Protein backbone atom coordinates (compact mmCIF):
# COMPACT_ATOMS: atom_id res chain seq x y z
CA MET A 1 106.51 241.49 -14.39
CA ALA A 2 104.61 244.46 -15.95
CA ALA A 3 101.65 245.54 -13.62
CA SER A 4 98.70 246.70 -14.76
CA GLN A 5 97.85 250.55 -14.83
CA SER A 6 94.79 249.88 -12.82
CA ALA A 7 96.71 247.87 -10.13
CA LEU A 8 99.67 250.37 -9.75
CA ALA A 9 99.10 253.06 -6.46
CA PRO A 10 98.18 256.77 -7.27
CA SER A 11 101.80 257.61 -6.48
CA THR A 12 103.12 255.67 -9.51
CA VAL A 13 100.44 256.41 -12.21
CA HIS A 14 102.00 260.22 -12.82
CA THR A 15 105.52 259.30 -12.07
CA PRO A 16 107.74 261.04 -14.11
CA VAL A 17 110.23 258.41 -16.07
CA ARG A 18 113.57 259.74 -17.32
CA ARG A 19 115.41 257.83 -19.84
CA PHE A 20 119.02 257.44 -20.99
CA GLU A 21 120.80 255.05 -23.55
CA ARG A 22 124.28 255.50 -22.16
CA CYS A 23 125.95 255.18 -19.00
CA GLU A 24 127.77 258.45 -18.97
CA ALA A 25 124.44 260.46 -19.28
CA ALA A 26 122.78 259.01 -16.72
CA LEU A 27 125.52 259.66 -14.56
CA GLN A 28 125.53 263.72 -15.71
CA ALA A 29 121.86 263.36 -15.00
CA MET A 30 122.35 261.68 -11.65
CA ALA A 31 124.76 264.38 -10.61
CA GLY A 32 122.43 267.32 -11.64
CA TYR A 33 119.88 265.68 -9.87
CA GLU A 34 122.05 265.04 -6.56
CA ALA A 35 123.07 269.30 -6.86
CA GLU A 36 118.92 269.89 -7.18
CA LEU A 37 118.49 267.33 -3.82
CA HIS A 38 121.56 269.48 -1.78
CA GLN A 39 119.79 272.98 -3.10
CA ASN A 40 116.40 272.07 -1.79
CA ALA A 41 117.38 270.78 1.47
CA LEU A 42 119.51 273.97 1.98
CA ARG A 43 116.48 275.70 1.37
CA ARG A 44 114.24 274.32 3.89
CA ARG A 45 117.02 274.77 6.31
CA SER A 46 117.13 278.18 5.70
CA ASN A 47 113.23 278.53 6.01
CA GLY A 48 113.82 276.99 9.54
CA PHE A 49 112.22 273.20 8.22
CA THR A 50 113.63 269.96 8.75
CA VAL A 51 114.31 267.64 6.08
CA THR A 52 113.02 264.56 5.12
CA ASP A 53 112.85 261.99 2.79
CA GLN A 54 109.17 262.73 1.85
CA ASP A 55 110.02 266.07 0.94
CA GLN A 56 110.97 264.95 -2.64
CA PRO A 57 108.94 263.69 -5.29
CA ALA A 58 108.35 260.20 -6.74
CA GLU A 59 110.53 259.98 -9.93
CA VAL A 60 112.17 257.49 -12.18
CA PHE A 61 115.41 257.37 -13.33
CA CYS A 62 116.31 254.57 -16.27
CA LEU A 63 119.51 253.68 -18.25
CA PHE A 64 118.34 251.27 -21.36
CA PRO A 65 121.19 250.56 -23.29
CA PRO A 66 120.88 249.25 -27.01
CA ARG A 67 122.64 246.04 -26.28
CA PRO A 68 122.03 244.60 -22.91
CA VAL A 69 123.38 241.27 -21.99
CA GLN A 70 122.89 240.76 -18.47
CA PRO A 71 119.17 240.67 -16.85
CA PRO A 72 117.69 243.83 -16.14
CA LEU A 73 118.62 245.96 -12.30
CA ALA A 74 115.70 247.39 -10.63
CA LEU A 75 116.27 249.80 -7.37
CA ILE A 76 113.71 250.94 -5.01
CA GLY A 77 115.32 254.12 -3.46
CA GLY A 78 113.77 257.52 -2.30
CA MET A 79 114.59 256.30 1.27
CA GLY A 80 116.68 258.63 1.56
CA PRO A 81 116.72 260.09 -2.04
CA LEU A 82 120.62 260.50 -1.52
CA ALA A 83 121.22 257.16 -0.82
CA GLY A 84 118.57 255.97 -4.00
CA ALA A 85 120.70 258.17 -6.03
CA MET A 86 123.99 256.97 -4.52
CA ALA A 87 122.96 253.06 -5.59
CA PHE A 88 122.06 253.97 -9.01
CA ARG A 89 125.13 255.74 -9.54
CA ARG A 90 127.09 252.49 -8.04
CA ALA A 91 125.11 250.34 -10.43
CA CYS A 92 125.64 252.25 -13.19
CA GLU A 93 129.34 252.80 -12.86
CA ARG A 94 129.81 249.00 -12.18
CA PHE A 95 127.37 247.49 -14.83
CA ARG A 96 128.18 250.72 -17.62
CA ASN A 97 125.86 249.53 -20.52
CA SER A 98 125.90 245.80 -20.07
CA ARG A 99 122.49 246.25 -18.23
CA ALA A 100 119.46 247.85 -17.92
CA VAL A 101 119.40 250.21 -14.59
CA VAL A 102 115.63 251.38 -13.51
CA LEU A 103 115.86 253.58 -10.10
CA TYR A 104 112.28 254.09 -8.75
CA GLN A 105 112.89 256.93 -5.96
CA ALA A 106 109.74 255.72 -3.60
CA CYS A 107 110.09 258.90 -1.50
CA PHE A 108 106.40 258.65 -0.24
CA MET A 109 107.23 255.85 1.60
CA PRO A 110 106.58 256.19 5.67
CA ASP A 111 109.62 256.19 7.58
CA ARG A 112 110.40 252.40 8.41
CA SER A 113 112.22 253.15 11.75
CA THR A 114 109.32 254.88 13.44
CA ILE A 115 106.94 251.90 12.41
CA ILE A 116 109.36 249.43 13.72
CA LEU A 117 109.81 251.17 16.91
CA SER A 118 105.83 251.34 17.06
CA GLY A 119 105.87 247.98 18.25
CA GLY A 120 103.61 245.43 17.75
CA GLY A 121 105.70 242.88 15.36
CA PRO A 122 105.87 242.87 11.64
CA GLY A 123 102.02 241.69 11.91
CA THR A 124 100.50 245.15 12.57
CA PRO A 125 98.55 246.65 9.79
CA MET A 126 101.48 249.60 9.65
CA CYS A 127 104.04 246.87 8.84
CA ARG A 128 101.66 244.88 6.48
CA ASP A 129 100.55 248.29 4.93
CA ILE A 130 104.18 248.95 4.39
CA ALA A 131 104.96 245.75 2.71
CA TRP A 132 102.09 246.39 0.40
CA ARG A 133 103.83 250.09 -1.15
CA LEU A 134 107.12 248.18 -0.93
CA ALA A 135 105.76 245.22 -3.12
CA ASP A 136 103.56 247.88 -5.37
CA ALA A 137 107.26 249.91 -5.72
CA VAL A 138 108.83 246.34 -6.82
CA ARG A 139 106.02 245.83 -9.26
CA PHE A 140 106.57 249.32 -10.87
CA ALA A 141 110.03 249.10 -11.05
CA ALA A 142 110.66 245.60 -12.42
CA GLY A 143 107.84 246.14 -15.10
CA LEU A 144 109.67 249.18 -16.24
CA SER A 145 112.79 247.14 -16.60
CA GLY A 146 111.66 244.23 -18.01
CA LEU A 147 111.33 240.43 -17.92
CA ALA A 148 113.48 238.51 -15.59
CA ALA A 149 114.45 241.73 -13.95
CA ARG A 150 116.56 241.49 -10.43
CA CYS A 151 115.46 243.87 -7.60
CA ILE A 152 117.20 245.54 -4.73
CA ILE A 153 115.25 247.36 -2.02
CA ALA A 154 117.93 250.17 -1.11
CA CYS A 155 117.07 250.65 2.62
CA ASN A 156 118.21 248.21 5.14
CA SER A 157 115.22 249.17 7.87
CA ALA A 158 112.56 247.98 4.77
CA HIS A 159 114.17 244.65 5.13
CA TYR A 160 112.53 244.32 8.56
CA PHE A 161 109.46 243.97 6.28
CA TRP A 162 111.22 241.48 3.96
CA ARG A 163 108.73 238.28 4.65
CA LEU A 164 105.72 240.43 4.43
CA LEU A 165 106.83 241.70 1.00
CA GLU A 166 107.72 238.28 -0.31
CA ASP A 167 104.15 237.27 0.76
CA GLU A 168 102.64 239.88 -1.17
CA LEU A 169 104.70 239.23 -4.30
CA ARG A 170 104.32 235.63 -4.33
CA GLN A 171 100.45 236.56 -4.03
CA THR A 172 99.97 238.88 -6.74
CA ALA A 173 102.91 237.18 -9.47
CA PRO A 174 101.85 235.86 -12.99
CA ARG A 175 101.08 232.39 -13.38
CA GLY A 176 104.28 230.59 -13.52
CA GLY A 177 106.18 232.44 -10.73
CA CYS A 178 106.95 235.65 -9.95
CA GLU A 179 109.21 237.28 -12.72
CA VAL A 180 111.36 239.42 -10.42
CA GLN A 181 114.65 237.85 -8.50
CA MET A 182 114.73 239.42 -5.19
CA ILE A 183 118.30 240.47 -4.38
CA SER A 184 117.94 241.55 -0.05
CA LEU A 185 120.80 243.12 1.59
CA VAL A 186 121.16 241.08 4.51
CA ASN A 187 121.81 237.47 2.94
CA SER A 188 124.19 239.10 0.78
CA THR A 189 126.11 240.83 3.34
CA LEU A 190 125.79 237.51 5.45
CA HIS A 191 127.35 235.72 1.89
CA ALA A 192 129.94 238.05 2.13
CA LEU A 193 130.95 237.59 5.88
CA LYS A 194 130.80 233.99 5.94
CA LEU A 195 131.71 232.75 2.29
CA GLY A 196 132.56 236.14 -0.04
CA ALA A 197 135.51 238.97 0.24
CA PHE A 198 135.79 239.24 3.72
CA LYS A 199 135.78 235.44 4.76
CA PHE A 200 134.93 236.36 8.28
CA GLN A 201 137.02 234.76 11.23
CA SER A 202 135.50 234.15 14.56
CA SER A 203 138.98 236.08 15.85
CA ARG A 204 137.54 239.44 14.11
CA LYS A 205 135.61 242.13 15.37
CA THR A 206 132.50 243.66 13.99
CA LEU A 207 130.92 246.52 14.81
CA VAL A 208 127.15 246.39 13.99
CA LEU A 209 125.71 249.74 13.04
CA ALA A 210 122.20 250.85 11.78
CA ALA A 211 119.22 253.01 12.26
CA ASP A 212 117.15 252.47 14.90
CA GLY A 213 114.78 250.28 13.43
CA ALA A 214 117.00 247.73 11.72
CA ARG A 215 118.51 247.88 15.33
CA VAL A 216 115.46 247.08 17.42
CA GLY A 217 114.20 245.12 14.33
CA GLN A 218 117.48 242.95 14.58
CA VAL A 219 117.34 243.16 10.88
CA PHE A 220 121.24 242.22 10.89
CA THR A 221 121.56 241.09 14.42
CA ALA A 222 119.50 238.10 14.24
CA PRO A 223 120.48 236.58 11.31
CA PHE A 224 124.46 237.26 12.34
CA GLN A 225 123.59 235.30 15.61
CA ASP A 226 121.69 232.19 13.71
CA ALA A 227 125.09 232.37 11.42
CA GLY A 228 127.11 232.52 14.62
CA ILE A 229 128.98 235.76 13.56
CA ALA A 230 130.13 237.58 16.65
CA PHE A 231 129.11 241.30 16.93
CA GLU A 232 128.88 244.10 18.90
CA GLU A 233 126.38 247.23 18.45
CA PRO A 234 126.83 250.78 20.28
CA SER A 235 125.13 251.25 23.51
CA PRO A 236 121.58 253.22 23.54
CA ALA A 237 123.10 256.64 24.25
CA LEU A 238 125.50 256.01 21.00
CA SER A 239 122.81 254.87 18.89
CA ARG A 240 121.14 257.88 19.39
CA LEU A 241 123.69 259.74 18.69
CA LEU A 242 124.29 257.95 15.37
CA MET A 243 120.69 258.60 14.49
CA ARG A 244 121.22 262.30 14.72
CA ALA A 245 124.21 262.16 12.53
CA ILE A 246 121.87 260.47 10.00
CA PHE A 247 118.80 262.39 10.05
CA GLU A 248 120.30 265.70 10.96
CA GLY A 249 123.47 265.01 9.23
CA VAL A 250 122.84 263.10 6.23
CA LYS A 251 119.18 262.79 5.11
CA ALA A 252 119.20 266.80 6.07
CA LEU A 253 122.34 267.00 3.38
CA ASP A 254 123.83 269.21 5.64
CA ASP A 255 127.63 268.09 5.65
CA ARG A 256 128.81 270.10 8.62
CA ARG A 257 126.16 268.55 11.08
CA ALA A 258 127.08 265.11 9.80
CA VAL A 259 130.61 266.11 10.42
CA GLU A 260 130.13 267.35 13.54
CA LEU A 261 127.72 264.13 15.01
CA GLY A 262 129.93 261.66 13.10
CA ASN A 263 132.57 262.59 14.67
CA GLU A 264 131.25 262.84 17.72
CA PHE A 265 129.79 258.97 17.77
CA PHE A 266 133.19 257.83 16.32
CA GLU A 267 135.12 259.59 19.16
CA ASN A 268 132.64 257.94 21.86
CA VAL A 269 132.92 254.53 20.28
CA LEU A 270 136.96 254.52 20.38
CA ALA A 271 137.29 256.09 23.56
CA THR A 272 135.55 252.83 25.14
CA GLY A 273 139.12 251.13 23.89
CA ARG A 274 137.19 249.00 21.86
CA ASP A 275 138.94 248.34 18.04
CA TYR A 276 137.00 246.82 15.35
CA ASP A 277 138.39 244.99 12.01
CA TYR A 278 134.80 245.23 10.58
CA VAL A 279 132.28 248.01 10.79
CA LEU A 280 128.70 247.27 9.20
CA ALA A 281 127.56 250.18 7.43
CA GLY A 282 123.55 248.73 8.47
CA CYS A 283 121.81 251.83 6.89
CA THR A 284 121.91 253.42 3.70
CA GLU A 285 123.35 256.62 4.92
CA LEU A 286 125.91 255.54 6.71
CA PRO A 287 128.41 254.55 3.68
CA LEU A 288 128.06 258.13 2.92
CA LEU A 289 128.87 259.65 6.28
CA ILE A 290 132.18 257.21 6.63
CA ASP A 291 133.11 259.01 2.94
CA ILE A 292 132.66 262.27 4.53
CA LEU A 293 134.70 261.47 7.70
CA ARG A 294 137.41 259.59 6.21
CA ARG A 295 137.85 263.12 4.45
CA ARG A 296 136.70 265.51 7.12
CA GLY A 297 136.86 263.88 10.35
CA SER A 298 139.30 263.96 13.10
CA PRO A 299 142.49 262.19 12.79
CA THR A 300 141.46 259.39 14.85
CA VAL A 301 138.39 258.88 13.41
CA ALA A 302 139.58 259.12 9.89
CA ALA A 303 142.14 256.75 10.72
CA PHE A 304 139.91 254.30 11.99
CA LEU A 305 137.71 254.38 9.38
CA SER A 306 140.77 254.05 6.78
CA ARG A 307 141.69 251.35 8.62
CA ALA A 308 138.38 249.11 9.39
CA ARG A 309 137.26 247.22 6.64
CA ILE A 310 133.47 248.58 6.15
CA VAL A 311 130.75 245.95 4.89
CA ASP A 312 128.21 247.87 2.77
CA PRO A 313 125.62 245.66 2.12
CA LEU A 314 124.61 247.78 -0.96
CA GLU A 315 127.96 246.75 -2.33
CA GLU A 316 127.24 243.29 -1.26
CA ALA A 317 123.92 242.77 -3.08
CA LEU A 318 125.29 244.58 -6.22
CA ALA A 319 128.10 242.22 -6.49
CA ARG A 320 125.14 239.50 -6.64
CA ALA A 321 122.77 240.93 -9.12
């Protein structure tokens, strides 16, 4: 659903777009982009600055194979940039040259947890503003992707604004209906646990991990309760430690800090004596954290994360896209 240039926010009008015809070229470019992210983050840390999503400019990466056989896929990333890059890489590896894949790194998006934690519920002006920004990003990416695009927002916390986003897209849809099909990370996860590959059983124990915004906003836990899925969450103190692992480690692209804080978090979880069959990685950075801890965590943590089945909402959404 192409958006008119006048309808686009200033952040989209001058956004650089990189186009590739082959999956291999797109993956090579993404590897270079990820290296740039690490270099920029190291430079900021060396100068005493924190590293945030908003430090990076908005960019677009497009895989446009010559003979696609599946509907185009739009990914809204940039929240954070490394997680968006991971989403694009996984989509390219999964679909190869069978479909167009567009990644819009909307790094300008305000921090979702900050807005959710400010209180007032989803009807506040700040929530409506971020829903408008998300809808604008969807329209822009879908417009580049082509007609009948499917779209995944690669940020779990952003799903707190899902109904507002759907309302915004519905109001601005072309005559005959919205041509972009939204694929929800939350719904895809529910499908996987109840009906899909995981075939959830009531006797199984699930640890739900998420950023503070998604946790307080009950992005996953409310639907899980409605669906009768039993779960546990870490204590508030451990949740704060997990947030530090996400923001000081993964988002800051500081592997040493990610290992240090992530290891401390999971060691404390295991020290409670609880064991889990499933771990829901309900923040886009968590699969990255889990991957590095499997390789560089303590033997106890690495063994646990290798034994437990990791439920990755992005992976489940890609499977349904």
